[in-house]
Protein backbone atom coordinates (compact mmCIF):
# COMPACT_ATOMS: atom_id res chain seq x y z
CA UNK A 1 164.82 -63.45 -60.67
CA UNK A 2 163.56 -60.08 -62.07
CA UNK A 3 160.08 -59.93 -63.77
CA UNK A 4 160.26 -59.19 -67.54
CA UNK A 5 159.02 -55.81 -68.61
CA UNK A 6 155.39 -55.30 -69.46
CA UNK A 7 156.00 -55.09 -73.22
CA UNK A 8 158.19 -58.28 -73.36
CA UNK A 9 155.44 -60.40 -71.72
CA UNK A 10 153.36 -62.47 -74.24
CA UNK A 11 149.63 -61.81 -73.90
CA UNK A 12 147.71 -65.01 -72.92
CA UNK A 13 144.52 -63.77 -74.59
CA UNK A 14 142.94 -60.84 -76.24
CA UNK A 15 140.74 -59.10 -73.78
CA UNK A 16 138.15 -56.77 -75.60
CA UNK A 17 137.36 -53.41 -74.16
CA UNK A 18 134.79 -53.41 -71.50
CA UNK A 19 132.18 -51.57 -73.57
CA UNK A 20 132.65 -53.69 -76.61
CA UNK A 21 129.18 -55.25 -76.13
CA UNK A 22 127.53 -51.90 -76.49
CA UNK A 23 129.70 -50.90 -79.41
CA UNK A 24 128.48 -54.02 -81.24
CA UNK A 25 124.85 -53.41 -80.76
CA UNK A 26 122.65 -51.41 -82.76
CA UNK A 27 120.08 -50.05 -80.38
CA UNK A 28 118.25 -47.96 -82.85
CA UNK A 29 117.36 -51.04 -84.79
CA UNK A 30 117.13 -53.77 -82.48
CA UNK A 31 116.78 -57.39 -84.01
CA UNK A 32 113.70 -58.17 -81.99
CA UNK A 33 111.09 -55.85 -80.62
CA UNK A 34 111.79 -54.68 -77.12
CA UNK A 35 109.40 -56.36 -74.65
CA UNK A 36 108.66 -54.93 -71.28
CA UNK A 37 108.14 -57.36 -68.39
CA UNK A 38 104.61 -56.24 -67.32
CA UNK A 39 103.33 -56.37 -70.99
CA UNK A 40 104.65 -59.90 -71.23
CA UNK A 41 103.18 -60.90 -67.87
CA UNK A 42 99.68 -59.64 -68.99
CA UNK A 43 100.01 -61.57 -72.20
CA UNK A 44 101.02 -64.66 -70.21
CA UNK A 45 97.76 -64.61 -68.02
CA UNK A 46 96.16 -68.14 -68.18
CA UNK A 47 99.37 -69.84 -69.45
CA UNK A 48 101.89 -72.05 -67.48
CA UNK A 49 105.18 -70.40 -66.26
CA UNK A 50 107.98 -71.12 -64.04
CA UNK A 51 108.96 -68.57 -61.22
CA UNK A 52 112.13 -68.91 -59.35
CA UNK A 53 112.28 -67.16 -56.08
CA UNK A 54 115.30 -65.38 -54.35
CA UNK A 55 115.39 -68.09 -51.80
CA UNK A 56 115.90 -70.74 -54.29
CA UNK A 57 112.40 -72.26 -54.52
CA UNK A 58 110.58 -72.77 -57.89
CA UNK A 59 106.94 -72.41 -58.44
CA UNK A 60 105.46 -74.06 -61.75
CA UNK A 61 101.80 -73.03 -62.35
CA UNK A 62 99.39 -71.13 -64.43
CA UNK A 63 99.42 -67.37 -64.16
CA UNK A 64 96.01 -65.97 -62.94
CA UNK A 65 96.87 -62.43 -62.31
CA UNK A 66 99.81 -59.86 -61.97
CA UNK A 67 99.83 -56.19 -61.07
CA UNK A 68 102.15 -53.25 -61.50
CA UNK A 69 104.40 -54.29 -58.70
CA UNK A 70 104.86 -57.69 -60.37
CA UNK A 71 102.85 -59.36 -57.63
CA UNK A 72 101.71 -62.78 -59.19
CA UNK A 73 98.76 -65.19 -58.39
CA UNK A 74 99.43 -68.69 -59.81
CA UNK A 75 97.01 -71.69 -59.73
CA UNK A 76 97.59 -75.38 -60.04
CA UNK A 77 101.21 -75.00 -58.58
CA UNK A 78 104.04 -77.33 -57.87
CA UNK A 79 106.53 -75.88 -55.45
CA UNK A 80 110.02 -77.19 -55.54
CA UNK A 81 112.52 -76.83 -52.72
CA UNK A 82 115.86 -75.02 -53.30
CA UNK A 83 117.59 -78.56 -53.12
CA UNK A 84 115.00 -79.97 -55.76
CA UNK A 85 114.21 -82.87 -53.41
CA UNK A 86 110.82 -81.85 -52.01
CA UNK A 87 107.69 -81.16 -54.14
CA UNK A 88 104.45 -79.77 -52.83
CA UNK A 89 101.20 -79.33 -54.94
CA UNK A 90 99.28 -76.25 -54.02
CA UNK A 91 95.86 -75.07 -55.40
CA UNK A 92 96.86 -71.35 -55.47
CA UNK A 93 99.91 -69.24 -54.53
CA UNK A 94 100.37 -65.46 -54.20
CA UNK A 95 103.92 -64.17 -54.85
CA UNK A 96 105.12 -60.83 -53.97
CA UNK A 97 107.18 -59.11 -56.69
CA UNK A 98 110.22 -58.30 -54.59
CA UNK A 99 110.64 -61.98 -53.92
CA UNK A 100 111.02 -63.00 -57.57
CA UNK A 101 114.31 -63.73 -59.11
CA UNK A 102 113.49 -65.24 -62.42
CA UNK A 103 110.57 -65.75 -64.69
CA UNK A 104 110.33 -68.60 -67.49
CA UNK A 105 107.50 -67.92 -70.02
CA UNK A 106 106.76 -70.16 -73.08
CA UNK A 107 108.29 -68.88 -76.36
CA UNK A 108 104.91 -68.73 -78.03
CA UNK A 109 103.71 -66.32 -75.28
CA UNK A 110 106.60 -64.00 -75.98
CA UNK A 111 105.73 -64.07 -79.71
CA UNK A 112 101.98 -63.40 -78.84
CA UNK A 113 103.00 -60.32 -76.62
CA UNK A 114 105.49 -58.92 -79.19
CA UNK A 115 102.62 -59.09 -81.91
CA UNK A 116 100.11 -57.35 -79.58
CA UNK A 117 102.73 -54.74 -78.88
CA UNK A 118 103.22 -54.06 -82.55
CA UNK A 119 99.40 -53.75 -83.15
CA UNK A 120 99.16 -51.47 -80.24
CA UNK A 121 101.79 -49.15 -81.37
CA UNK A 122 100.22 -48.64 -84.56
CA UNK A 123 97.13 -47.11 -82.90
CA UNK A 124 98.82 -44.35 -81.22
CA UNK A 125 99.64 -42.17 -84.18
CA UNK A 126 99.26 -38.34 -83.85
CA UNK A 127 100.50 -37.70 -80.29
CA UNK A 128 99.44 -34.49 -78.63
CA UNK A 129 97.17 -31.86 -79.92
CA UNK A 130 93.37 -32.02 -79.87
CA UNK A 131 91.07 -34.90 -80.74
CA UNK A 132 90.88 -36.85 -83.99
CA UNK A 133 87.58 -35.19 -85.05
CA UNK A 134 87.12 -31.46 -85.96
CA UNK A 135 84.01 -31.11 -83.61
CA UNK A 136 85.96 -31.77 -80.38
CA UNK A 137 89.22 -29.86 -80.66
CA UNK A 138 90.55 -26.54 -79.27
CA UNK A 139 88.87 -24.21 -76.98
CA UNK A 140 85.64 -23.28 -78.77
CA UNK A 141 82.32 -25.19 -78.25
CA UNK A 142 83.62 -27.01 -75.14
CA UNK A 143 80.01 -27.63 -73.86
CA UNK A 144 79.68 -27.29 -70.08
CA UNK A 145 83.42 -28.00 -69.24
CA UNK A 146 85.41 -25.62 -67.17
CA UNK A 147 84.51 -22.70 -64.99
CA UNK A 148 82.15 -20.62 -67.19
CA UNK A 149 82.22 -19.00 -70.55
CA UNK A 150 79.28 -18.49 -72.67
CA UNK A 151 76.26 -19.93 -70.85
CA UNK A 152 77.85 -22.98 -69.35
CA UNK A 153 76.92 -22.22 -65.66
CA UNK A 154 78.29 -19.82 -63.19
CA UNK A 155 81.86 -21.15 -62.86
CA UNK A 156 83.52 -23.55 -60.50
CA UNK A 157 83.85 -23.25 -56.66
CA UNK A 158 84.41 -19.41 -56.92
CA UNK A 159 86.14 -17.10 -54.46
CA UNK A 160 83.48 -16.31 -51.85
CA UNK A 161 80.58 -13.95 -52.73
CA UNK A 162 77.17 -14.54 -51.59
CA UNK A 163 76.42 -17.87 -50.14
CA UNK A 164 73.12 -19.51 -50.54
């Protein structure tokens, strides 16, 4: 039996184009503030969290510290096996960031971090160009900085000359 032509076959379901997710999103005005992972982790220090590792184990504990590589130190930890049948209580655990698959942080910590980020963004107005006060800006009156100029020492390391 011959297959019906492509146009004659009824379509089972409507498949949206692959990029429809991005067409529906307004990235210029996101509904919630964009929260970067390290900022969120820094805000979560001292609070409980769940860490799922790539090997399937889960760790529930209080975050003590995190660094820029997302290495974590947790205290009062309950480690659960990948099957979920074995539990081990540990006083402290260090987790390398490259072993982390998933982090679960309480909702109030996310709100706290978002609020802190909004407050921090307001403090960085002005961008480049001098300092905020008139007595610091530009080249004039720079004190003893740099390699010389107007009574400020005899300039940097130099290029030889008399050694004393």
